Amino acid sequence: MHKLVVTLFILILFSCFQNEAHSFERDKYNRLVDSVAFKSKVSGTTWEYNWNGSKFIFGFKPDGKISKLKGWSKVQWTVNQRNEVVLNHGSKKMFLFFNDKGTFFKTVDWDGQRATGRRVFKDDI
């Protein structure tokens, strides 16, 4: 009887971990799908960047580069999750946090000041 109880306990415990692993993989897949969809949403768009009382125009090129703003010509962009773009410039990173529509973002600029951006238009590429 004791062996049966232990065996049942082990089987129940194993099934719990198996469901948790499956749930983790499903969540990982959903995050990946969301990030790819968001990358598609912002790729090929032009933005007005408001920083320090000035406005600058830049674009997200489909190849992961920034266009139209010469000061950011060496900056690469990636999407790690829905509604978030990471700008990479060497060892520096800047995170852009977008609204659900993908038309506005908030960030903290490279120099630590708050900044915002709004989508101007979708490029013809």
PDB file of N, CA and C in Angstrom:
ATOM      1  N   MET A   1       0.823  -1.200   0.000  1.00  0.00           N
ATOM      2  CA  MET A   1       0.000   0.000   0.000  1.00  0.00           C
ATOM      3  C   MET A   1       0.864   1.261   0.000  1.00  0.00           C
ATOM      4  N   HIS A   2       1.919   1.217   0.794  1.00  0.00           N
ATOM      5  CA  HIS A   2       2.814   2.381   0.891  1.00  0.00           C
ATOM      6  C   HIS A   2       3.479   2.679  -0.463  1.00  0.00           C
ATOM      7  N   LYS A   3       3.886   1.598  -1.162  1.00  0.00           N
ATOM      8  CA  LYS A   3       4.519   1.782  -2.480  1.00  0.00           C
ATOM      9  C   LYS A   3       3.543   2.404  -3.480  1.00  0.00           C
ATOM     10  N   LEU A   4       2.287   2.003  -3.413  1.00  0.00           N
ATOM     11  CA  LEU A   4       1.268   2.539  -4.308  1.00  0.00           C
ATOM     12  C   LEU A   4       1.061   4.035  -4.075  1.00  0.00           C
ATOM     13  N   VAL A   5       1.007   4.453  -2.834  1.00  0.00           N
ATOM     14  CA  VAL A   5       0.831   5.869  -2.497  1.00  0.00           C
ATOM     15  C   VAL A   5       2.028   6.676  -2.992  1.00  0.00           C
ATOM     16  N   VAL A   6       3.225   6.174  -2.767  1.00  0.00           N
ATOM     17  CA  VAL A   6       4.445   6.864  -3.218  1.00  0.00           C
ATOM     18  C   VAL A   6       4.470   6.950  -4.739  1.00  0.00           C
ATOM     19  N   THR A   7       4.115   5.866  -5.408  1.00  0.00           N
ATOM     20  CA  THR A   7       4.091   5.854  -6.874  1.00  0.00           C
ATOM     21  C   THR A   7       3.079   6.858  -7.408  1.00  0.00           C
ATOM     22  N   LEU A   8       1.885   6.882  -6.821  1.00  0.00           N
ATOM     23  CA  LEU A   8       0.872   7.845  -7.256  1.00  0.00           C
ATOM     24  C   LEU A   8       1.334   9.286  -7.015  1.00  0.00           C
ATOM     25  N   PHE A   9       1.953   9.529  -5.873  1.00  0.00           N
ATOM     26  CA  PHE A   9       2.469  10.860  -5.559  1.00  0.00           C
ATOM     27  C   PHE A   9       3.522  11.290  -6.588  1.00  0.00           C
ATOM     28  N   ILE A  10       4.421  10.403  -6.928  1.00  0.00           N
ATOM     29  CA  ILE A  10       5.465  10.707  -7.917  1.00  0.00           C
ATOM     30  C   ILE A  10       4.843  10.977  -9.280  1.00  0.00           C
ATOM     31  N   LEU A  11       3.872  10.196  -9.677  1.00  0.00           N
ATOM     32  CA  LEU A  11       3.200  10.408 -10.962  1.00  0.00           C
ATOM     33  C   LEU A  11       2.478  11.756 -11.005  1.00  0.00           C
ATOM     34  N   ILE A  12       1.808  12.105  -9.938  1.00  0.00           N
ATOM     35  CA  ILE A  12       1.107  13.396  -9.864  1.00  0.00           C
ATOM     36  C   ILE A  12       2.109  14.539  -9.914  1.00  0.00           C
ATOM     37  N   LEU A  13       3.185  14.410  -9.163  1.00  0.00           N
ATOM     38  CA  LEU A  13       4.226  15.430  -9.145  1.00  0.00           C
ATOM     39  C   LEU A  13       4.848  15.587 -10.524  1.00  0.00           C
ATOM     40  N   PHE A  14       5.145  14.501 -11.187  1.00  0.00           N
ATOM     41  CA  PHE A  14       5.727  14.532 -12.525  1.00  0.00           C
ATOM     42  C   PHE A  14       4.787  15.210 -13.516  1.00  0.00           C
ATOM     43  N   SER A  15       3.500  14.890 -13.429  1.00  0.00           N
ATOM     44  CA  SER A  15       2.548  15.505 -14.368  1.00  0.00           C
ATOM     45  C   SER A  15       2.441  17.010 -14.143  1.00  0.00           C
ATOM     46  N   CYS A  16       2.587  17.460 -12.899  1.00  0.00           N
ATOM     47  CA  CYS A  16       2.564  18.905 -12.619  1.00  0.00           C
ATOM     48  C   CYS A  16       3.731  19.605 -13.291  1.00  0.00           C
ATOM     49  N   PHE A  17       4.923  19.038 -13.196  1.00  0.00           N
ATOM     50  CA  PHE A  17       6.103  19.642 -13.817  1.00  0.00           C
ATOM     51  C   PHE A  17       6.002  19.608 -15.337  1.00  0.00           C
ATOM     52  N   GLN A  18       5.414  18.546 -15.850  1.00  0.00           N
ATOM     53  CA  GLN A  18       5.261  18.429 -17.294  1.00  0.00           C
ATOM     54  C   GLN A  18       4.333  19.531 -17.809  1.00  0.00           C
ATOM     55  N   ASN A  19       3.230  19.807 -17.113  1.00  0.00           N
ATOM     56  CA  ASN A  19       2.313  20.873 -17.516  1.00  0.00           C
ATOM     57  C   ASN A  19       2.981  22.241 -17.400  1.00  0.00           C
ATOM     58  N   GLU A  20       3.780  22.438 -16.350  1.00  0.00           N
ATOM     59  CA  GLU A  20       4.471  23.707 -16.167  1.00  0.00           C
ATOM     60  C   GLU A  20       5.461  23.954 -17.303  1.00  0.00           C
ATOM     61  N   ALA A  21       6.195  22.916 -17.714  1.00  0.00           N
ATOM     62  CA  ALA A  21       7.148  23.045 -18.812  1.00  0.00           C
ATOM     63  C   ALA A  21       6.419  23.369 -20.107  1.00  0.00           C
ATOM     64  N   HIS A  22       5.298  22.721 -20.336  1.00  0.00           N
ATOM     65  CA  HIS A  22       4.510  22.977 -21.545  1.00  0.00           C
ATOM     66  C   HIS A  22       3.990  24.412 -21.540  1.00  0.00           C
ATOM     67  N   SER A  23       3.530  24.875 -20.389  1.00  0.00           N
ATOM     68  CA  SER A  23       3.034  26.242 -20.262  1.00  0.00           C
ATOM     69  C   SER A  23       4.151  27.246 -20.533  1.00  0.00           C
ATOM     70  N   PHE A  24       5.353  26.983 -20.005  1.00  0.00           N
ATOM     71  CA  PHE A  24       6.500  27.866 -20.239  1.00  0.00           C
ATOM     72  C   PHE A  24       6.820  27.947 -21.726  1.00  0.00           C
ATOM     73  N   GLU A  25       6.824  26.830 -22.427  1.00  0.00           N
ATOM     74  CA  GLU A  25       7.113  26.813 -23.868  1.00  0.00           C
ATOM     75  C   GLU A  25       6.037  27.568 -24.647  1.00  0.00           C
ATOM     76  N   ARG A  26       4.778  27.412 -24.242  1.00  0.00           N
ATOM     77  CA  ARG A  26       3.681  28.117 -24.905  1.00  0.00           C
ATOM     78  C   ARG A  26       3.830  29.627 -24.698  1.00  0.00           C
ATOM     79  N   ASP A  27       4.173  30.055 -23.474  1.00  0.00           N
ATOM     80  CA  ASP A  27       4.389  31.478 -23.204  1.00  0.00           C
ATOM     81  C   ASP A  27       5.571  32.021 -24.000  1.00  0.00           C
ATOM     82  N   LYS A  28       6.627  31.246 -24.083  1.00  0.00           N
ATOM     83  CA  LYS A  28       7.815  31.649 -24.863  1.00  0.00           C
ATOM     84  C   LYS A  28       7.438  31.820 -26.335  1.00  0.00           C
ATOM     85  N   TYR A  29       6.662  30.880 -26.862  1.00  0.00           N
ATOM     86  CA  TYR A  29       6.199  30.961 -28.248  1.00  0.00           C
ATOM     87  C   TYR A  29       5.330  32.210 -28.463  1.00  0.00           C
ATOM     88  N   ASN A  30       4.399  32.467 -27.537  1.00  0.00           N
ATOM     89  CA  ASN A  30       3.519  33.639 -27.656  1.00  0.00           C
ATOM     90  C   ASN A  30       4.311  34.936 -27.623  1.00  0.00           C
ATOM     91  N   ARG A  31       5.330  35.021 -26.762  1.00  0.00           N
ATOM     92  CA  ARG A  31       6.173  36.218 -26.708  1.00  0.00           C
ATOM     93  C   ARG A  31       6.929  36.407 -28.013  1.00  0.00           C
ATOM     94  N   LEU A  32       7.412  35.319 -28.589  1.00  0.00           N
ATOM     95  CA  LEU A  32       8.131  35.386 -29.860  1.00  0.00           C
ATOM     96  C   LEU A  32       7.209  35.865 -30.975  1.00  0.00           C
ATOM     97  N   VAL A  33       6.007  35.320 -31.039  1.00  0.00           N
ATOM     98  CA  VAL A  33       5.034  35.737 -32.057  1.00  0.00           C
ATOM     99  C   VAL A  33       4.687  37.214 -31.889  1.00  0.00           C
ATOM    100  N   ASP A  34       4.463  37.651 -30.654  1.00  0.00           N
ATOM    101  CA  ASP A  34       4.161  39.059 -30.384  1.00  0.00           C
ATOM    102  C   ASP A  34       5.305  39.970 -30.809  1.00  0.00           C
ATOM    103  N   SER A  35       6.539  39.578 -30.541  1.00  0.00           N
ATOM    104  CA  SER A  35       7.678  40.426 -30.906  1.00  0.00           C
ATOM    105  C   SER A  35       7.843  40.512 -32.416  1.00  0.00           C
ATOM    106  N   VAL A  36       7.637  39.412 -33.127  1.00  0.00           N
ATOM    107  CA  VAL A  36       7.733  39.432 -34.591  1.00  0.00           C
ATOM    108  C   VAL A  36       6.638  40.306 -35.179  1.00  0.00           C
ATOM    109  N   ALA A  37       5.430  40.203 -34.656  1.00  0.00           N
ATOM    110  CA  ALA A  37       4.316  41.034 -35.144  1.00  0.00           C
ATOM    111  C   ALA A  37       4.588  42.505 -34.871  1.00  0.00           C
ATOM    112  N   PHE A  38       5.145  42.822 -33.709  1.00  0.00           N
ATOM    113  CA  PHE A  38       5.431  44.221 -33.402  1.00  0.00           C
ATOM    114  C   PHE A  38       6.559  44.757 -34.274  1.00  0.00           C
ATOM    115  N   LYS A  39       7.567  43.940 -34.540  1.00  0.00           N
ATOM    116  CA  LYS A  39       8.652  44.366 -35.442  1.00  0.00           C
ATOM    117  C   LYS A  39       8.085  44.698 -36.813  1.00  0.00           C
ATOM    118  N   SER A  40       7.173  43.887 -37.293  1.00  0.00           N
ATOM    119  CA  SER A  40       6.534  44.147 -38.582  1.00  0.00           C
ATOM    120  C   SER A  40       5.745  45.453 -38.557  1.00  0.00           C
ATOM    121  N   LYS A  41       5.138  45.755 -37.417  1.00  0.00           N
ATOM    122  CA  LYS A  41       4.326  46.971 -37.276  1.00  0.00           C
ATOM    123  C   LYS A  41       5.180  48.241 -37.369  1.00  0.00           C
ATOM    124  N   VAL A  42       6.377  48.242 -36.773  1.00  0.00           N
ATOM    125  CA  VAL A  42       7.195  49.463 -36.756  1.00  0.00           C
ATOM    126  C   VAL A  42       8.222  49.511 -37.881  1.00  0.00           C
ATOM    127  N   SER A  43       8.523  48.379 -38.482  1.00  0.00           N
ATOM    128  CA  SER A  43       9.501  48.340 -39.572  1.00  0.00           C
ATOM    129  C   SER A  43       9.010  49.169 -40.752  1.00  0.00           C
ATOM    130  N   GLY A  44       9.891  50.039 -41.247  1.00  0.00           N
ATOM    131  CA  GLY A  44       9.519  50.874 -42.383  1.00  0.00           C
ATOM    132  C   GLY A  44       8.670  52.067 -41.998  1.00  0.00           C
ATOM    133  N   THR A  45       8.766  52.517 -40.748  1.00  0.00           N
ATOM    134  CA  THR A  45       8.010  53.690 -40.321  1.00  0.00           C
ATOM    135  C   THR A  45       8.965  54.841 -40.022  1.00  0.00           C
ATOM    136  N   THR A  46       8.447  56.054 -40.128  1.00  0.00           N
ATOM    137  CA  THR A  46       9.212  57.266 -39.830  1.00  0.00           C
ATOM    138  C   THR A  46       8.629  57.915 -38.587  1.00  0.00           C
ATOM    139  N   TRP A  47       9.523  58.449 -37.732  1.00  0.00           N
ATOM    140  CA  TRP A  47       9.154  58.952 -36.421  1.00  0.00           C
ATOM    141  C   TRP A  47       9.705  60.335 -36.174  1.00  0.00           C
ATOM    142  N   GLU A  48       8.965  61.097 -35.377  1.00  0.00           N
ATOM    143  CA  GLU A  48       9.446  62.373 -34.861  1.00  0.00           C
ATOM    144  C   GLU A  48       9.877  62.118 -33.419  1.00  0.00           C
ATOM    145  N   TYR A  49      11.140  62.414 -33.141  1.00  0.00           N
ATOM    146  CA  TYR A  49      11.720  62.191 -31.815  1.00  0.00           C
ATOM    147  C   TYR A  49      11.842  63.528 -31.110  1.00  0.00           C
ATOM    148  N   ASN A  50      11.192  63.663 -29.955  1.00  0.00           N
ATOM    149  CA  ASN A  50      11.202  64.902 -29.177  1.00  0.00           C
ATOM    150  C   ASN A  50      12.117  64.735 -27.979  1.00  0.00           C
ATOM    151  N   TRP A  51      13.221  65.491 -28.007  1.00  0.00           N
ATOM    152  CA  TRP A  51      14.218  65.385 -26.949  1.00  0.00           C
ATOM    153  C   TRP A  51      14.813  66.758 -26.664  1.00  0.00           C
ATOM    154  N   ASN A  52      14.848  67.121 -25.413  1.00  0.00           N
ATOM    155  CA  ASN A  52      15.516  68.335 -24.974  1.00  0.00           C
ATOM    156  C   ASN A  52      15.005  69.587 -25.710  1.00  0.00           C
ATOM    157  N   GLY A  53      13.704  69.624 -25.969  1.00  0.00           N
ATOM    158  CA  GLY A  53      13.106  70.773 -26.645  1.00  0.00           C
ATOM    159  C   GLY A  53      13.308  70.815 -28.150  1.00  0.00           C
ATOM    160  N   SER A  54      13.918  69.780 -28.719  1.00  0.00           N
ATOM    161  CA  SER A  54      14.152  69.721 -30.165  1.00  0.00           C
ATOM    162  C   SER A  54      13.435  68.513 -30.758  1.00  0.00           C
ATOM    163  N   LYS A  55      13.205  68.584 -32.069  1.00  0.00           N
ATOM    164  CA  LYS A  55      12.549  67.489 -32.780  1.00  0.00           C
ATOM    165  C   LYS A  55      13.489  66.969 -33.855  1.00  0.00           C
ATOM    166  N   PHE A  56      13.551  65.638 -33.951  1.00  0.00           N
ATOM    167  CA  PHE A  56      14.394  64.969 -34.935  1.00  0.00           C
ATOM    168  C   PHE A  56      13.559  63.923 -35.653  1.00  0.00           C
ATOM    169  N   ILE A  57      13.887  63.666 -36.903  1.00  0.00           N
ATOM    170  CA  ILE A  57      13.189  62.658 -37.697  1.00  0.00           C
ATOM    171  C   ILE A  57      14.112  61.455 -37.885  1.00  0.00           C
ATOM    172  N   PHE A  58      13.571  60.250 -37.644  1.00  0.00           N
ATOM    173  CA  PHE A  58      14.326  59.021 -37.905  1.00  0.00           C
ATOM    174  C   PHE A  58      13.373  57.945 -38.390  1.00  0.00           C
ATOM    175  N   GLY A  59      13.925  56.887 -38.944  1.00  0.00           N
ATOM    176  CA  GLY A  59      13.116  55.770 -39.420  1.00  0.00           C
ATOM    177  C   GLY A  59      13.681  54.439 -38.994  1.00  0.00           C
ATOM    178  N   PHE A  60      12.793  53.451 -38.877  1.00  0.00           N
ATOM    179  CA  PHE A  60      13.192  52.073 -38.597  1.00  0.00           C
ATOM    180  C   PHE A  60      13.288  51.335 -39.930  1.00  0.00           C
ATOM    181  N   LYS A  61      14.496  51.059 -40.384  1.00  0.00           N
ATOM    182  CA  LYS A  61      14.665  50.298 -41.617  1.00  0.00           C
ATOM    183  C   LYS A  61      14.412  48.817 -41.340  1.00  0.00           C
ATOM    184  N   PRO A  62      13.861  48.095 -42.302  1.00  0.00           N
ATOM    185  CA  PRO A  62      13.575  46.667 -42.099  1.00  0.00           C
ATOM    186  C   PRO A  62      14.818  45.825 -41.778  1.00  0.00           C
ATOM    187  N   ASP A  63      16.000  46.307 -42.169  1.00  0.00           N
ATOM    188  CA  ASP A  63      17.221  45.531 -41.913  1.00  0.00           C
ATOM    189  C   ASP A  63      17.786  45.740 -40.509  1.00  0.00           C
ATOM    190  N   GLY A  64      17.067  46.476 -39.653  1.00  0.00           N
ATOM    191  CA  GLY A  64      17.516  46.672 -38.285  1.00  0.00           C
ATOM    192  C   GLY A  64      18.372  47.906 -38.073  1.00  0.00           C
ATOM    193  N   LYS A  65      18.475  48.746 -39.089  1.00  0.00           N
ATOM    194  CA  LYS A  65      19.243  49.980 -38.965  1.00  0.00           C
ATOM    195  C   LYS A  65      18.301  51.168 -38.808  1.00  0.00           C
ATOM    196  N   ILE A  66      18.857  52.267 -38.332  1.00  0.00           N
ATOM    197  CA  ILE A  66      18.111  53.519 -38.209  1.00  0.00           C
ATOM    198  C   ILE A  66      18.446  54.382 -39.418  1.00  0.00           C
ATOM    199  N   SER A  67      17.433  54.987 -40.005  1.00  0.00           N
ATOM    200  CA  SER A  67      17.655  55.859 -41.165  1.00  0.00           C
ATOM    201  C   SER A  67      17.244  57.284 -40.841  1.00  0.00           C
ATOM    202  N   LYS A  68      17.651  58.212 -41.685  1.00  0.00           N
ATOM    203  CA  LYS A  68      17.222  59.617 -41.704  1.00  0.00           C
ATOM    204  C   LYS A  68      17.839  60.498 -40.620  1.00  0.00           C
ATOM    205  N   LEU A  69      18.403  59.948 -39.588  1.00  0.00           N
ATOM    206  CA  LEU A  69      19.019  60.737 -38.528  1.00  0.00           C
ATOM    207  C   LEU A  69      20.510  60.395 -38.505  1.00  0.00           C
ATOM    208  N   LYS A  70      21.325  61.290 -39.055  1.00  0.00           N
ATOM    209  CA  LYS A  70      22.753  61.004 -39.222  1.00  0.00           C
ATOM    210  C   LYS A  70      23.436  60.665 -37.905  1.00  0.00           C
ATOM    211  N   GLY A  71      23.036  61.310 -36.817  1.00  0.00           N
ATOM    212  CA  GLY A  71      23.641  61.023 -35.525  1.00  0.00           C
ATOM    213  C   GLY A  71      23.383  59.610 -35.029  1.00  0.00           C
ATOM    214  N   TRP A  72      22.389  58.955 -35.584  1.00  0.00           N
ATOM    215  CA  TRP A  72      22.067  57.586 -35.200  1.00  0.00           C
ATOM    216  C   TRP A  72      22.379  56.600 -36.329  1.00  0.00           C
ATOM    217  N   SER A  73      23.216  56.978 -37.267  1.00  0.00           N
ATOM    218  CA  SER A  73      23.481  56.128 -38.433  1.00  0.00           C
ATOM    219  C   SER A  73      24.112  54.785 -38.068  1.00  0.00           C
ATOM    220  N   LYS A  74      24.775  54.691 -36.929  1.00  0.00           N
ATOM    221  CA  LYS A  74      25.388  53.426 -36.513  1.00  0.00           C
ATOM    222  C   LYS A  74      24.553  52.684 -35.476  1.00  0.00           C
ATOM    223  N   VAL A  75      23.368  53.182 -35.209  1.00  0.00           N
ATOM    224  CA  VAL A  75      22.474  52.552 -34.223  1.00  0.00           C
ATOM    225  C   VAL A  75      21.702  51.419 -34.896  1.00  0.00           C
ATOM    226  N   GLN A  76      21.604  50.303 -34.213  1.00  0.00           N
ATOM    227  CA  GLN A  76      20.807  49.156 -34.658  1.00  0.00           C
ATOM    228  C   GLN A  76      19.573  49.060 -33.767  1.00  0.00           C
ATOM    229  N   TRP A  77      18.474  48.547 -34.314  1.00  0.00           N
ATOM    230  CA  TRP A  77      17.274  48.367 -33.498  1.00  0.00           C
ATOM    231  C   TRP A  77      16.811  46.919 -33.537  1.00  0.00           C
ATOM    232  N   THR A  78      16.273  46.483 -32.406  1.00  0.00           N
ATOM    233  CA  THR A  78      15.722  45.135 -32.291  1.00  0.00           C
ATOM    234  C   THR A  78      14.446  45.198 -31.458  1.00  0.00           C
ATOM    235  N   VAL A  79      13.639  44.169 -31.604  1.00  0.00           N
ATOM    236  CA  VAL A  79      12.430  44.032 -30.791  1.00  0.00           C
ATOM    237  C   VAL A  79      12.591  42.767 -29.961  1.00  0.00           C
ATOM    238  N   ASN A  80      12.547  42.914 -28.646  1.00  0.00           N
ATOM    239  CA  ASN A  80      12.638  41.755 -27.756  1.00  0.00           C
ATOM    240  C   ASN A  80      11.273  41.269 -27.310  1.00  0.00           C
ATOM    241  N   GLN A  81      10.310  42.197 -27.287  1.00  0.00           N
ATOM    242  CA  GLN A  81       8.956  41.840 -26.880  1.00  0.00           C
ATOM    243  C   GLN A  81       7.997  42.882 -27.447  1.00  0.00           C
ATOM    244  N   ARG A  82       6.727  42.563 -27.384  1.00  0.00           N
ATOM    245  CA  ARG A  82       5.695  43.455 -27.900  1.00  0.00           C
ATOM    246  C   ARG A  82       5.804  44.822 -27.228  1.00  0.00           C
ATOM    247  N   ASN A  83       5.676  45.869 -28.020  1.00  0.00           N
ATOM    248  CA  ASN A  83       5.647  47.262 -27.562  1.00  0.00           C
ATOM    249  C   ASN A  83       6.978  47.760 -26.996  1.00  0.00           C
ATOM    250  N   GLU A  84       8.073  47.099 -27.351  1.00  0.00           N
ATOM    251  CA  GLU A  84       9.380  47.553 -26.879  1.00  0.00           C
ATOM    252  C   GLU A  84      10.424  47.389 -27.980  1.00  0.00           C
ATOM    253  N   VAL A  85      11.124  48.483 -28.268  1.00  0.00           N
ATOM    254  CA  VAL A  85      12.243  48.455 -29.206  1.00  0.00           C
ATOM    255  C   VAL A  85      13.499  48.803 -28.420  1.00  0.00           C
ATOM    256  N   VAL A  86      14.575  48.089 -28.706  1.00  0.00           N
ATOM    257  CA  VAL A  86      15.861  48.364 -28.080  1.00  0.00           C
ATOM    258  C   VAL A  86      16.777  48.950 -29.141  1.00  0.00           C
ATOM    259  N   LEU A  87      17.290  50.154 -28.879  1.00  0.00           N
ATOM    260  CA  LEU A  87      18.281  50.761 -29.752  1.00  0.00           C
ATOM    261  C   LEU A  87      19.656  50.417 -29.191  1.00  0.00           C
ATOM    262  N   ASN A  88      20.529  49.887 -30.044  1.00  0.00           N
ATOM    263  CA  ASN A  88      21.864  49.470 -29.634  1.00  0.00           C
ATOM    264  C   ASN A  88      22.901  50.323 -30.338  1.00  0.00           C
ATOM    265  N   HIS A  89      23.783  50.928 -29.565  1.00  0.00           N
ATOM    266  CA  HIS A  89      24.902  51.707 -30.108  1.00  0.00           C
ATOM    267  C   HIS A  89      26.141  51.309 -29.322  1.00  0.00           C
ATOM    268  N   GLY A  90      26.889  50.361 -29.859  1.00  0.00           N
ATOM    269  CA  GLY A  90      28.021  49.815 -29.124  1.00  0.00           C
ATOM    270  C   GLY A  90      27.529  49.120 -27.874  1.00  0.00           C
ATOM    271  N   SER A  91      28.058  49.525 -26.728  1.00  0.00           N
ATOM    272  CA  SER A  91      27.635  48.915 -25.463  1.00  0.00           C
ATOM    273  C   SER A  91      26.436  49.637 -24.844  1.00  0.00           C
ATOM    274  N   LYS A  92      26.009  50.733 -25.463  1.00  0.00           N
ATOM    275  CA  LYS A  92      24.877  51.503 -24.929  1.00  0.00           C
ATOM    276  C   LYS A  92      23.563  50.985 -25.496  1.00  0.00           C
ATOM    277  N   LYS A  93      22.524  51.047 -24.654  1.00  0.00           N
ATOM    278  CA  LYS A  93      21.176  50.641 -25.070  1.00  0.00           C
ATOM    279  C   LYS A  93      20.186  51.718 -24.654  1.00  0.00           C
ATOM    280  N   MET A  94      19.181  51.908 -25.496  1.00  0.00           N
ATOM    281  CA  MET A  94      18.066  52.787 -25.157  1.00  0.00           C
ATOM    282  C   MET A  94      16.792  52.001 -25.454  1.00  0.00           C
ATOM    283  N   PHE A  95      15.859  52.008 -24.507  1.00  0.00           N
ATOM    284  CA  PHE A  95      14.621  51.249 -24.636  1.00  0.00           C
ATOM    285  C   PHE A  95      13.473  52.203 -24.965  1.00  0.00           C
ATOM    286  N   LEU A  96      12.751  51.895 -26.041  1.00  0.00           N
ATOM    287  CA  LEU A  96      11.578  52.671 -26.445  1.00  0.00           C
ATOM    288  C   LEU A  96      10.346  51.854 -26.067  1.00  0.00           C
ATOM    289  N   PHE A  97       9.465  52.446 -25.260  1.00  0.00           N
ATOM    290  CA  PHE A  97       8.256  51.760 -24.803  1.00  0.00           C
ATOM    291  C   PHE A  97       7.043  52.360 -25.514  1.00  0.00           C
ATOM    292  N   PHE A  98       6.390  51.564 -26.340  1.00  0.00           N
ATOM    293  CA  PHE A  98       5.322  52.014 -27.228  1.00  0.00           C
ATOM    294  C   PHE A  98       3.939  51.793 -26.634  1.00  0.00           C
ATOM    295  N   ASN A  99       2.992  52.621 -27.089  1.00  0.00           N
ATOM    296  CA  ASN A  99       1.588  52.373 -26.759  1.00  0.00           C
ATOM    297  C   ASN A  99       1.104  51.163 -27.560  1.00  0.00           C
ATOM    298  N   ASP A 100      -0.086  50.652 -27.242  1.00  0.00           N
ATOM    299  CA  ASP A 100      -0.587  49.444 -27.900  1.00  0.00           C
ATOM    300  C   ASP A 100      -0.814  49.627 -29.397  1.00  0.00           C
ATOM    301  N   LYS A 101      -1.134  50.829 -29.830  1.00  0.00           N
ATOM    302  CA  LYS A 101      -1.346  51.079 -31.260  1.00  0.00           C
ATOM    303  C   LYS A 101      -0.039  51.183 -32.035  1.00  0.00           C
ATOM    304  N   GLY A 102       1.072  51.347 -31.318  1.00  0.00           N
ATOM    305  CA  GLY A 102       2.364  51.478 -31.987  1.00  0.00           C
ATOM    306  C   GLY A 102       2.534  52.823 -32.670  1.00  0.00           C
ATOM    307  N   THR A 103       1.922  53.864 -32.109  1.00  0.00           N
ATOM    308  CA  THR A 103       1.983  55.196 -32.726  1.00  0.00           C
ATOM    309  C   THR A 103       2.721  56.215 -31.870  1.00  0.00           C
ATOM    310  N   PHE A 104       3.117  55.831 -30.656  1.00  0.00           N
ATOM    311  CA  PHE A 104       3.746  56.760 -29.719  1.00  0.00           C
ATOM    312  C   PHE A 104       4.678  55.960 -28.812  1.00  0.00           C
ATOM    313  N   PHE A 105       5.801  56.552 -28.412  1.00  0.00           N
ATOM    314  CA  PHE A 105       6.663  55.896 -27.433  1.00  0.00           C
ATOM    315  C   PHE A 105       7.236  56.896 -26.440  1.00  0.00           C
ATOM    316  N   LYS A 106       7.657  56.344 -25.302  1.00  0.00           N
ATOM    317  CA  LYS A 106       8.380  57.085 -24.276  1.00  0.00           C
ATOM    318  C   LYS A 106       9.717  56.396 -24.087  1.00  0.00           C
ATOM    319  N   THR A 107      10.720  57.186 -23.685  1.00  0.00           N
ATOM    320  CA  THR A 107      12.039  56.614 -23.449  1.00  0.00           C
ATOM    321  C   THR A 107      12.841  57.508 -22.523  1.00  0.00           C
ATOM    322  N   VAL A 108      13.992  57.023 -22.152  1.00  0.00           N
ATOM    323  CA  VAL A 108      15.013  57.821 -21.496  1.00  0.00           C
ATOM    324  C   VAL A 108      16.182  57.833 -22.472  1.00  0.00           C
ATOM    325  N   ASP A 109      16.536  59.029 -22.949  1.00  0.00           N
ATOM    326  CA  ASP A 109      17.564  59.179 -23.974  1.00  0.00           C
ATOM    327  C   ASP A 109      18.921  58.688 -23.472  1.00  0.00           C
ATOM    328  N   TRP A 110      19.857  58.584 -24.396  1.00  0.00           N
ATOM    329  CA  TRP A 110      21.223  58.153 -24.078  1.00  0.00           C
ATOM    330  C   TRP A 110      21.806  58.972 -22.917  1.00  0.00           C
ATOM    331  N   ASP A 111      21.434  60.247 -22.832  1.00  0.00           N
ATOM    332  CA  ASP A 111      22.006  61.124 -21.803  1.00  0.00           C
ATOM    333  C   ASP A 111      21.210  61.118 -20.493  1.00  0.00           C
ATOM    334  N   GLY A 112      20.158  60.310 -20.406  1.00  0.00           N
ATOM    335  CA  GLY A 112      19.380  60.192 -19.176  1.00  0.00           C
ATOM    336  C   GLY A 112      18.149  61.077 -19.124  1.00  0.00           C
ATOM    337  N   GLN A 113      17.917  61.897 -20.151  1.00  0.00           N
ATOM    338  CA  GLN A 113      16.728  62.756 -20.166  1.00  0.00           C
ATOM    339  C   GLN A 113      15.540  62.016 -20.782  1.00  0.00           C
ATOM    340  N   ARG A 114      14.363  62.348 -20.286  1.00  0.00           N
ATOM    341  CA  ARG A 114      13.146  61.762 -20.859  1.00  0.00           C
ATOM    342  C   ARG A 114      12.929  62.302 -22.266  1.00  0.00           C
ATOM    343  N   ALA A 115      12.371  61.436 -23.116  1.00  0.00           N
ATOM    344  CA  ALA A 115      12.078  61.813 -24.493  1.00  0.00           C
ATOM    345  C   ALA A 115      10.850  61.034 -24.948  1.00  0.00           C
ATOM    346  N   THR A 116      10.252  61.509 -26.028  1.00  0.00           N
ATOM    347  CA  THR A 116       9.078  60.842 -26.597  1.00  0.00           C
ATOM    348  C   THR A 116       9.225  60.785 -28.111  1.00  0.00           C
ATOM    349  N   GLY A 117       8.370  60.003 -28.711  1.00  0.00           N
ATOM    350  CA  GLY A 117       8.332  59.917 -30.160  1.00  0.00           C
ATOM    351  C   GLY A 117       6.927  59.628 -30.626  1.00  0.00           C
ATOM    352  N   ARG A 118       6.647  60.082 -31.844  1.00  0.00           N
ATOM    353  CA  ARG A 118       5.340  59.778 -32.445  1.00  0.00           C
ATOM    354  C   ARG A 118       5.551  59.396 -33.898  1.00  0.00           C
ATOM    355  N   ARG A 119       4.759  58.432 -34.353  1.00  0.00           N
ATOM    356  CA  ARG A 119       4.885  57.981 -35.740  1.00  0.00           C
ATOM    357  C   ARG A 119       4.371  59.063 -36.667  1.00  0.00           C
ATOM    358  N   VAL A 120       5.174  59.358 -37.690  1.00  0.00           N
ATOM    359  CA  VAL A 120       4.805  60.356 -38.684  1.00  0.00           C
ATOM    360  C   VAL A 120       4.096  59.683 -39.845  1.00  0.00           C
ATOM    361  N   PHE A 121       4.696  58.607 -40.376  1.00  0.00           N
ATOM    362  CA  PHE A 121       4.067  57.862 -41.459  1.00  0.00           C
ATOM    363  C   PHE A 121       4.772  56.533 -41.688  1.00  0.00           C
ATOM    364  N   LYS A 122       4.116  55.666 -42.454  1.00  0.00           N
ATOM    365  CA  LYS A 122       4.693  54.389 -42.886  1.00  0.00           C
ATOM    366  C   LYS A 122       5.394  54.644 -44.212  1.00  0.00           C
ATOM    367  N   ASP A 123       6.669  54.274 -44.313  1.00  0.00           N
ATOM    368  CA  ASP A 123       7.449  54.511 -45.518  1.00  0.00           C
ATOM    369  C   ASP A 123       7.021  53.595 -46.661  1.00  0.00           C
ATOM    370  N   ASP A 124       7.290  54.051 -47.862  1.00  0.00           N
ATOM    371  CA  ASP A 124       7.099  53.219 -49.053  1.00  0.00           C
ATOM    372  C   ASP A 124       8.443  52.557 -49.365  1.00  0.00           C
ATOM    373  N   ILE A 125       8.587  51.323 -48.919  1.00  0.00           N
ATOM    374  CA  ILE A 125       9.864  50.620 -49.146  1.00  0.00           C
ATOM    375  C   ILE A 125       9.689  49.397 -49.995  1.00  0.00           C
TER     376      ILE A 125
END
